[in-house]
Amino acid sequence: MLERPGLGPLQQGPWYAALPQKRPWTEEQLAQLLVLHIVSLVGILASWYGAAHVGSMSGRMLWLNLAIGGLVVAALGDAMWLLRLRRSVTARRVSLLIIAPHGEPSRSEGRLVVVKGMTRYHRETCPLVMRKAVTVSSRSTHERARRVPCEACQP
């Protein structure tokens, strides 16, 4: 186990190496989002320019519809973008919980830590606090602070 100042331990077990280390989006998906935003911006700018040069209200309504269409295209692209992120985060969480070591660890195993602002305390080897700045405290200190044990590492 490696120690870094101010951070929890980095576990070098086989379960950590098996976690997916890919980005939530591919380069192709980034390009698709960029194209959608460019198309949307062109539609909005064209409608602004067109509406500025039309005298009648009915003529401006056509340009307004084009601008609304541009906004809808951008909103749909962003929604798809965020859904891909959510899917990726969910897959990462599931793989973390499936691959992480299970079992009934003894209650005396390892130091108990907490990340500032969290309401749960963890073992120092818990994947949920890995690579975060932690504070080591006793079980009684955590319980006096009304923190509850983590369900993943079961300290």
N, C-alpha and C. Protein backbone atom coordinates (compact mmCIF):
# COMPACT_ATOMS: atom_id res chain seq x y z
N MET A 1 0.83 -1.17 0.00
CA MET A 1 0.00 0.00 0.00
C MET A 1 0.88 1.25 0.00
N LEU A 2 0.55 2.23 -0.84
CA LEU A 2 1.30 3.47 -0.91
C LEU A 2 0.59 4.54 -0.10
N GLU A 3 1.35 5.39 0.56
CA GLU A 3 0.78 6.49 1.32
C GLU A 3 1.18 7.80 0.66
N ARG A 4 0.25 8.71 0.51
CA ARG A 4 0.54 10.05 0.04
C ARG A 4 0.12 11.03 1.11
N PRO A 5 0.88 12.07 1.35
CA PRO A 5 0.54 13.02 2.41
C PRO A 5 -0.85 13.61 2.19
N GLY A 6 -1.70 13.54 3.22
CA GLY A 6 -3.02 14.14 3.16
C GLY A 6 -4.06 13.30 2.45
N LEU A 7 -3.67 12.17 1.89
CA LEU A 7 -4.62 11.33 1.16
C LEU A 7 -4.69 9.96 1.80
N GLY A 8 -5.82 9.29 1.57
CA GLY A 8 -5.96 7.92 2.04
C GLY A 8 -5.06 7.00 1.25
N PRO A 9 -4.96 5.74 1.66
CA PRO A 9 -4.07 4.82 0.97
C PRO A 9 -4.58 4.48 -0.42
N LEU A 10 -3.67 4.18 -1.32
CA LEU A 10 -4.02 3.73 -2.66
C LEU A 10 -3.88 2.22 -2.67
N GLN A 11 -4.97 1.54 -2.80
CA GLN A 11 -4.91 0.08 -2.74
C GLN A 11 -4.46 -0.45 -4.11
N GLN A 12 -3.50 -1.33 -4.11
CA GLN A 12 -2.94 -1.86 -5.34
C GLN A 12 -3.42 -3.28 -5.60
N GLY A 13 -4.63 -3.61 -5.19
CA GLY A 13 -5.16 -4.95 -5.36
C GLY A 13 -5.65 -5.20 -6.77
N PRO A 14 -5.89 -6.46 -7.12
CA PRO A 14 -6.35 -6.79 -8.46
C PRO A 14 -7.74 -6.24 -8.76
N TRP A 15 -8.56 -6.04 -7.74
CA TRP A 15 -9.91 -5.51 -7.99
C TRP A 15 -9.85 -4.08 -8.49
N TYR A 16 -8.87 -3.28 -8.01
CA TYR A 16 -8.76 -1.90 -8.46
C TYR A 16 -8.29 -1.83 -9.91
N ALA A 17 -7.37 -2.71 -10.28
CA ALA A 17 -6.87 -2.74 -11.65
C ALA A 17 -7.96 -3.18 -12.63
N ALA A 18 -8.95 -3.95 -12.15
CA ALA A 18 -10.01 -4.45 -13.03
C ALA A 18 -11.09 -3.41 -13.29
N LEU A 19 -11.07 -2.27 -12.59
CA LEU A 19 -12.10 -1.26 -12.80
C LEU A 19 -11.95 -0.64 -14.18
N PRO A 20 -13.06 -0.31 -14.83
CA PRO A 20 -12.96 0.35 -16.13
C PRO A 20 -12.36 1.74 -15.96
N GLN A 21 -11.34 2.06 -16.73
CA GLN A 21 -10.64 3.34 -16.62
C GLN A 21 -10.90 4.23 -17.83
N LYS A 22 -12.03 4.06 -18.50
CA LYS A 22 -12.28 4.84 -19.70
C LYS A 22 -13.05 6.10 -19.40
N ARG A 23 -13.05 7.02 -20.35
CA ARG A 23 -13.77 8.27 -20.23
C ARG A 23 -15.26 8.03 -20.45
N PRO A 24 -16.10 8.90 -19.94
CA PRO A 24 -17.54 8.70 -20.14
C PRO A 24 -17.98 8.93 -21.58
N TRP A 25 -17.21 9.69 -22.37
CA TRP A 25 -17.58 9.97 -23.75
C TRP A 25 -16.42 9.65 -24.68
N THR A 26 -16.75 9.24 -25.89
CA THR A 26 -15.73 8.99 -26.90
C THR A 26 -15.45 10.28 -27.66
N GLU A 27 -14.39 10.29 -28.42
CA GLU A 27 -14.06 11.45 -29.24
C GLU A 27 -15.16 11.71 -30.27
N GLU A 28 -15.74 10.65 -30.79
CA GLU A 28 -16.83 10.79 -31.77
C GLU A 28 -18.05 11.46 -31.14
N GLN A 29 -18.37 11.10 -29.91
CA GLN A 29 -19.51 11.70 -29.22
C GLN A 29 -19.25 13.17 -28.91
N LEU A 30 -18.01 13.51 -28.58
CA LEU A 30 -17.66 14.92 -28.38
C LEU A 30 -17.84 15.71 -29.66
N ALA A 31 -17.42 15.12 -30.77
CA ALA A 31 -17.58 15.78 -32.07
C ALA A 31 -19.06 15.95 -32.42
N GLN A 32 -19.88 14.95 -32.12
CA GLN A 32 -21.32 15.06 -32.39
C GLN A 32 -21.94 16.20 -31.61
N LEU A 33 -21.57 16.32 -30.34
CA LEU A 33 -22.12 17.40 -29.53
C LEU A 33 -21.67 18.76 -30.06
N LEU A 34 -20.42 18.86 -30.45
CA LEU A 34 -19.92 20.12 -31.00
C LEU A 34 -20.67 20.49 -32.27
N VAL A 35 -20.91 19.53 -33.15
CA VAL A 35 -21.66 19.79 -34.38
C VAL A 35 -23.09 20.24 -34.07
N LEU A 36 -23.73 19.58 -33.11
CA LEU A 36 -25.09 19.98 -32.72
C LEU A 36 -25.13 21.41 -32.21
N HIS A 37 -24.14 21.79 -31.43
CA HIS A 37 -24.12 23.15 -30.90
C HIS A 37 -23.81 24.16 -31.99
N ILE A 38 -22.97 23.81 -32.93
CA ILE A 38 -22.69 24.72 -34.05
C ILE A 38 -23.94 24.91 -34.90
N VAL A 39 -24.65 23.81 -35.20
CA VAL A 39 -25.90 23.91 -35.98
C VAL A 39 -26.91 24.77 -35.23
N SER A 40 -27.02 24.56 -33.94
CA SER A 40 -27.95 25.35 -33.13
C SER A 40 -27.58 26.82 -33.15
N LEU A 41 -26.31 27.12 -32.97
CA LEU A 41 -25.87 28.52 -32.97
C LEU A 41 -26.11 29.17 -34.33
N VAL A 42 -25.83 28.45 -35.41
CA VAL A 42 -26.08 28.99 -36.75
C VAL A 42 -27.56 29.29 -36.92
N GLY A 43 -28.44 28.37 -36.48
CA GLY A 43 -29.88 28.60 -36.58
C GLY A 43 -30.33 29.81 -35.79
N ILE A 44 -29.80 29.99 -34.59
CA ILE A 44 -30.18 31.13 -33.76
C ILE A 44 -29.68 32.44 -34.37
N LEU A 45 -28.42 32.45 -34.82
CA LEU A 45 -27.88 33.67 -35.44
C LEU A 45 -28.60 34.01 -36.74
N ALA A 46 -28.91 33.00 -37.55
CA ALA A 46 -29.65 33.24 -38.80
C ALA A 46 -31.04 33.80 -38.50
N SER A 47 -31.69 33.29 -37.48
CA SER A 47 -33.02 33.79 -37.16
C SER A 47 -32.96 35.23 -36.62
N TRP A 48 -31.94 35.54 -35.85
CA TRP A 48 -31.78 36.90 -35.35
C TRP A 48 -31.57 37.87 -36.51
N TYR A 49 -30.68 37.48 -37.42
CA TYR A 49 -30.40 38.32 -38.58
C TYR A 49 -31.64 38.46 -39.46
N GLY A 50 -32.34 37.33 -39.69
CA GLY A 50 -33.53 37.36 -40.54
C GLY A 50 -34.64 38.18 -39.92
N ALA A 51 -34.86 38.07 -38.63
CA ALA A 51 -35.93 38.82 -37.97
C ALA A 51 -35.64 40.32 -37.96
N ALA A 52 -34.37 40.68 -37.94
CA ALA A 52 -33.99 42.09 -37.92
C ALA A 52 -34.28 42.77 -39.26
N HIS A 53 -34.38 42.00 -40.32
CA HIS A 53 -34.56 42.56 -41.66
C HIS A 53 -35.96 42.32 -42.22
N VAL A 54 -36.90 41.91 -41.40
CA VAL A 54 -38.28 41.69 -41.84
C VAL A 54 -39.16 42.69 -41.11
N GLY A 55 -40.03 43.34 -41.84
CA GLY A 55 -40.87 44.37 -41.24
C GLY A 55 -42.15 43.83 -40.62
N SER A 56 -42.71 42.75 -41.16
CA SER A 56 -44.00 42.28 -40.67
C SER A 56 -43.85 41.31 -39.50
N MET A 57 -44.88 41.28 -38.66
CA MET A 57 -44.86 40.38 -37.50
C MET A 57 -44.93 38.93 -37.96
N SER A 58 -45.71 38.62 -38.99
CA SER A 58 -45.81 37.23 -39.45
C SER A 58 -44.47 36.75 -40.01
N GLY A 59 -43.71 37.63 -40.63
CA GLY A 59 -42.39 37.27 -41.13
C GLY A 59 -41.42 36.99 -39.98
N ARG A 60 -41.56 37.73 -38.90
CA ARG A 60 -40.69 37.52 -37.74
C ARG A 60 -41.02 36.21 -37.02
N MET A 61 -42.27 35.79 -37.08
CA MET A 61 -42.67 34.55 -36.43
C MET A 61 -41.94 33.35 -37.05
N LEU A 62 -41.73 33.39 -38.37
CA LEU A 62 -40.98 32.32 -39.03
C LEU A 62 -39.57 32.24 -38.47
N TRP A 63 -38.93 33.40 -38.30
CA TRP A 63 -37.57 33.42 -37.77
C TRP A 63 -37.54 33.02 -36.30
N LEU A 64 -38.58 33.38 -35.56
CA LEU A 64 -38.68 32.97 -34.17
C LEU A 64 -38.77 31.46 -34.06
N ASN A 65 -39.54 30.84 -34.94
CA ASN A 65 -39.65 29.38 -34.95
C ASN A 65 -38.30 28.72 -35.25
N LEU A 66 -37.53 29.33 -36.15
CA LEU A 66 -36.21 28.80 -36.45
C LEU A 66 -35.30 28.88 -35.21
N ALA A 67 -35.37 29.99 -34.49
CA ALA A 67 -34.55 30.14 -33.28
C ALA A 67 -34.96 29.12 -32.22
N ILE A 68 -36.24 28.90 -32.05
CA ILE A 68 -36.72 27.91 -31.08
C ILE A 68 -36.25 26.52 -31.49
N GLY A 69 -36.29 26.23 -32.78
CA GLY A 69 -35.78 24.94 -33.27
C GLY A 69 -34.30 24.76 -32.95
N GLY A 70 -33.52 25.83 -33.08
CA GLY A 70 -32.10 25.77 -32.74
C GLY A 70 -31.88 25.49 -31.26
N LEU A 71 -32.69 26.11 -30.43
CA LEU A 71 -32.58 25.86 -28.99
C LEU A 71 -32.97 24.42 -28.64
N VAL A 72 -33.99 23.90 -29.30
CA VAL A 72 -34.42 22.52 -29.06
C VAL A 72 -33.32 21.54 -29.47
N VAL A 73 -32.68 21.78 -30.59
CA VAL A 73 -31.58 20.92 -31.04
C VAL A 73 -30.46 20.91 -29.99
N ALA A 74 -30.10 22.08 -29.49
CA ALA A 74 -29.05 22.16 -28.47
C ALA A 74 -29.47 21.46 -27.19
N ALA A 75 -30.72 21.65 -26.77
CA ALA A 75 -31.20 21.02 -25.53
C ALA A 75 -31.23 19.50 -25.66
N LEU A 76 -31.66 18.98 -26.78
CA LEU A 76 -31.67 17.53 -26.98
C LEU A 76 -30.26 16.96 -26.99
N GLY A 77 -29.34 17.66 -27.63
CA GLY A 77 -27.94 17.21 -27.65
C GLY A 77 -27.36 17.18 -26.24
N ASP A 78 -27.63 18.22 -25.45
CA ASP A 78 -27.14 18.26 -24.08
C ASP A 78 -27.77 17.17 -23.22
N ALA A 79 -29.07 16.91 -23.43
CA ALA A 79 -29.75 15.86 -22.66
C ALA A 79 -29.13 14.49 -22.97
N MET A 80 -28.87 14.21 -24.22
CA MET A 80 -28.24 12.94 -24.58
C MET A 80 -26.83 12.85 -23.98
N TRP A 81 -26.13 13.94 -24.00
CA TRP A 81 -24.78 14.03 -23.43
C TRP A 81 -24.81 13.67 -21.94
N LEU A 82 -25.75 14.26 -21.21
CA LEU A 82 -25.85 14.00 -19.77
C LEU A 82 -26.33 12.58 -19.47
N LEU A 83 -27.19 12.04 -20.32
CA LEU A 83 -27.63 10.65 -20.12
C LEU A 83 -26.48 9.67 -20.32
N ARG A 84 -25.60 9.96 -21.27
CA ARG A 84 -24.41 9.11 -21.44
C ARG A 84 -23.53 9.18 -20.20
N LEU A 85 -23.37 10.36 -19.64
CA LEU A 85 -22.58 10.51 -18.42
C LEU A 85 -23.20 9.70 -17.28
N ARG A 86 -24.51 9.81 -17.13
CA ARG A 86 -25.18 9.09 -16.05
C ARG A 86 -25.01 7.58 -16.22
N ARG A 87 -25.14 7.11 -17.43
CA ARG A 87 -24.96 5.69 -17.71
C ARG A 87 -23.54 5.25 -17.38
N SER A 88 -22.57 6.07 -17.72
CA SER A 88 -21.17 5.75 -17.46
C SER A 88 -20.88 5.73 -15.95
N VAL A 89 -21.40 6.70 -15.23
CA VAL A 89 -21.18 6.76 -13.79
C VAL A 89 -21.84 5.57 -13.11
N THR A 90 -23.04 5.21 -13.54
CA THR A 90 -23.73 4.05 -12.97
C THR A 90 -22.94 2.77 -13.22
N ALA A 91 -22.43 2.61 -14.44
CA ALA A 91 -21.64 1.41 -14.75
C ALA A 91 -20.37 1.38 -13.90
N ARG A 92 -19.77 2.52 -13.69
CA ARG A 92 -18.55 2.59 -12.86
C ARG A 92 -18.87 2.21 -11.41
N ARG A 93 -19.98 2.72 -10.88
CA ARG A 93 -20.37 2.41 -9.50
C ARG A 93 -20.65 0.92 -9.34
N VAL A 94 -21.39 0.35 -10.30
CA VAL A 94 -21.72 -1.07 -10.22
C VAL A 94 -20.46 -1.91 -10.28
N SER A 95 -19.55 -1.58 -11.20
CA SER A 95 -18.32 -2.37 -11.31
C SER A 95 -17.47 -2.22 -10.05
N LEU A 96 -17.48 -1.05 -9.45
CA LEU A 96 -16.74 -0.84 -8.21
C LEU A 96 -17.29 -1.71 -7.10
N LEU A 97 -18.60 -1.77 -6.96
CA LEU A 97 -19.20 -2.54 -5.90
C LEU A 97 -19.13 -4.04 -6.16
N ILE A 98 -19.15 -4.45 -7.43
CA ILE A 98 -19.08 -5.87 -7.75
C ILE A 98 -17.66 -6.39 -7.60
N ILE A 99 -16.68 -5.61 -8.04
CA ILE A 99 -15.30 -6.08 -8.07
C ILE A 99 -14.62 -5.92 -6.71
N ALA A 100 -15.07 -4.96 -5.91
CA ALA A 100 -14.44 -4.72 -4.60
C ALA A 100 -14.54 -5.96 -3.73
N PRO A 101 -13.56 -6.18 -2.88
CA PRO A 101 -13.58 -7.36 -2.03
C PRO A 101 -14.79 -7.35 -1.10
N HIS A 102 -15.41 -8.51 -0.96
CA HIS A 102 -16.57 -8.66 -0.09
C HIS A 102 -16.21 -9.53 1.10
N GLY A 103 -17.18 -9.80 1.89
CA GLY A 103 -16.97 -10.68 3.02
C GLY A 103 -17.28 -9.96 4.31
N GLU A 104 -17.12 -10.65 5.39
CA GLU A 104 -17.35 -10.10 6.72
C GLU A 104 -16.01 -9.76 7.34
N PRO A 105 -15.53 -8.55 7.16
CA PRO A 105 -14.25 -8.19 7.76
C PRO A 105 -14.38 -8.06 9.27
N SER A 106 -13.28 -8.28 9.96
CA SER A 106 -13.31 -8.13 11.41
C SER A 106 -13.44 -6.65 11.75
N ARG A 107 -14.06 -6.35 12.87
CA ARG A 107 -14.30 -4.96 13.24
C ARG A 107 -13.01 -4.26 13.65
N SER A 108 -11.95 -4.99 13.92
CA SER A 108 -10.70 -4.36 14.36
C SER A 108 -9.75 -4.10 13.19
N GLU A 109 -10.12 -4.52 11.98
CA GLU A 109 -9.21 -4.42 10.83
C GLU A 109 -9.13 -2.99 10.30
N GLY A 110 -7.94 -2.41 10.28
CA GLY A 110 -7.70 -1.11 9.66
C GLY A 110 -8.13 0.07 10.51
N ARG A 111 -7.64 1.26 10.10
CA ARG A 111 -8.01 2.50 10.78
C ARG A 111 -9.33 3.01 10.20
N LEU A 112 -10.05 3.77 11.00
CA LEU A 112 -11.33 4.34 10.57
C LEU A 112 -11.11 5.79 10.18
N VAL A 113 -11.64 6.17 9.02
CA VAL A 113 -11.40 7.50 8.48
C VAL A 113 -12.71 8.14 8.06
N VAL A 114 -12.66 9.46 7.87
CA VAL A 114 -13.80 10.21 7.37
C VAL A 114 -13.26 11.32 6.46
N VAL A 115 -14.04 11.65 5.45
CA VAL A 115 -13.74 12.78 4.59
C VAL A 115 -14.54 13.96 5.13
N LYS A 116 -13.92 15.12 5.20
CA LYS A 116 -14.57 16.30 5.76
C LYS A 116 -15.92 16.53 5.08
N GLY A 117 -16.95 16.68 5.88
CA GLY A 117 -18.29 16.95 5.36
C GLY A 117 -19.13 15.71 5.14
N MET A 118 -18.53 14.51 5.22
CA MET A 118 -19.29 13.28 5.02
C MET A 118 -19.99 12.87 6.31
N THR A 119 -21.06 12.10 6.17
CA THR A 119 -21.81 11.64 7.33
C THR A 119 -21.52 10.18 7.64
N ARG A 120 -20.66 9.53 6.89
CA ARG A 120 -20.32 8.13 7.11
C ARG A 120 -18.81 8.00 7.34
N TYR A 121 -18.45 7.05 8.19
CA TYR A 121 -17.03 6.76 8.36
C TYR A 121 -16.72 5.43 7.68
N HIS A 122 -15.46 5.27 7.28
CA HIS A 122 -15.02 4.17 6.43
C HIS A 122 -13.74 3.55 6.97
N ARG A 123 -13.42 2.35 6.45
CA ARG A 123 -12.08 1.81 6.63
C ARG A 123 -11.17 2.61 5.71
N GLU A 124 -9.89 2.68 6.05
CA GLU A 124 -8.97 3.44 5.20
C GLU A 124 -8.81 2.81 3.82
N THR A 125 -9.15 1.53 3.68
CA THR A 125 -9.03 0.85 2.39
C THR A 125 -10.32 0.87 1.58
N CYS A 126 -11.34 1.57 2.05
CA CYS A 126 -12.63 1.62 1.35
C CYS A 126 -12.46 2.34 0.01
N PRO A 127 -12.98 1.76 -1.08
CA PRO A 127 -12.86 2.40 -2.39
C PRO A 127 -13.58 3.74 -2.47
N LEU A 128 -14.56 3.98 -1.61
CA LEU A 128 -15.33 5.21 -1.67
C LEU A 128 -14.56 6.42 -1.12
N VAL A 129 -13.49 6.20 -0.36
CA VAL A 129 -12.67 7.31 0.13
C VAL A 129 -11.27 7.29 -0.47
N MET A 130 -11.04 6.37 -1.37
CA MET A 130 -9.72 6.26 -1.99
C MET A 130 -9.38 7.56 -2.72
N ARG A 131 -8.17 8.01 -2.57
CA ARG A 131 -7.63 9.21 -3.20
C ARG A 131 -8.31 10.49 -2.73
N LYS A 132 -8.88 10.47 -1.53
CA LYS A 132 -9.48 11.67 -0.95
C LYS A 132 -8.74 12.00 0.34
N ALA A 133 -8.74 13.26 0.70
CA ALA A 133 -8.13 13.69 1.96
C ALA A 133 -9.00 13.18 3.10
N VAL A 134 -8.41 12.42 4.01
CA VAL A 134 -9.17 11.81 5.09
C VAL A 134 -8.59 12.21 6.44
N THR A 135 -9.43 12.05 7.47
CA THR A 135 -9.02 12.26 8.86
C THR A 135 -9.24 10.95 9.60
N VAL A 136 -8.22 10.50 10.31
CA VAL A 136 -8.31 9.26 11.07
C VAL A 136 -8.85 9.58 12.46
N SER A 137 -9.85 8.80 12.90
CA SER A 137 -10.42 8.96 14.24
C SER A 137 -10.84 7.60 14.75
N SER A 138 -11.11 7.54 16.04
CA SER A 138 -11.57 6.28 16.64
C SER A 138 -13.06 6.10 16.36
N ARG A 139 -13.53 4.87 16.56
CA ARG A 139 -14.95 4.57 16.35
C ARG A 139 -15.82 5.43 17.27
N SER A 140 -15.38 5.60 18.53
CA SER A 140 -16.18 6.39 19.48
C SER A 140 -16.27 7.86 19.05
N THR A 141 -15.20 8.39 18.48
CA THR A 141 -15.22 9.77 17.98
C THR A 141 -16.23 9.91 16.85
N HIS A 142 -16.22 8.94 15.92
CA HIS A 142 -17.17 8.98 14.81
C HIS A 142 -18.61 8.87 15.31
N GLU A 143 -18.83 8.00 16.29
CA GLU A 143 -20.19 7.82 16.80
C GLU A 143 -20.66 9.05 17.58
N ARG A 144 -19.74 9.72 18.31
CA ARG A 144 -20.11 10.96 19.00
C ARG A 144 -20.48 12.05 18.00
N ALA A 145 -19.84 12.03 16.83
CA ALA A 145 -20.13 13.01 15.78
C ALA A 145 -21.36 12.61 14.97
N ARG A 146 -22.03 11.56 15.41
CA ARG A 146 -23.25 11.04 14.76
C ARG A 146 -23.03 10.60 13.33
N ARG A 147 -21.85 10.07 13.07
CA ARG A 147 -21.58 9.47 11.76
C ARG A 147 -21.99 8.01 11.80
N VAL A 148 -22.41 7.49 10.66
CA VAL A 148 -22.83 6.09 10.58
C VAL A 148 -21.80 5.32 9.77
N PRO A 149 -21.69 4.00 9.97
CA PRO A 149 -20.72 3.22 9.22
C PRO A 149 -21.11 3.09 7.74
N CYS A 150 -20.13 3.02 6.90
CA CYS A 150 -20.31 2.83 5.46
C CYS A 150 -20.87 1.43 5.21
N GLU A 151 -21.84 1.33 4.29
CA GLU A 151 -22.40 0.02 3.97
C GLU A 151 -21.47 -0.81 3.07
N ALA A 152 -20.57 -0.14 2.35
CA ALA A 152 -19.71 -0.87 1.43
C ALA A 152 -18.56 -1.58 2.16
N CYS A 153 -17.87 -0.88 3.05
CA CYS A 153 -16.72 -1.50 3.72
C CYS A 153 -17.07 -2.05 5.09
N GLN A 154 -18.18 -1.71 5.63
CA GLN A 154 -18.70 -2.22 6.90
C GLN A 154 -17.64 -2.17 8.02
N PRO A 155 -17.23 -0.96 8.43
CA PRO A 155 -16.20 -0.86 9.48
C PRO A 155 -16.72 -1.32 10.84
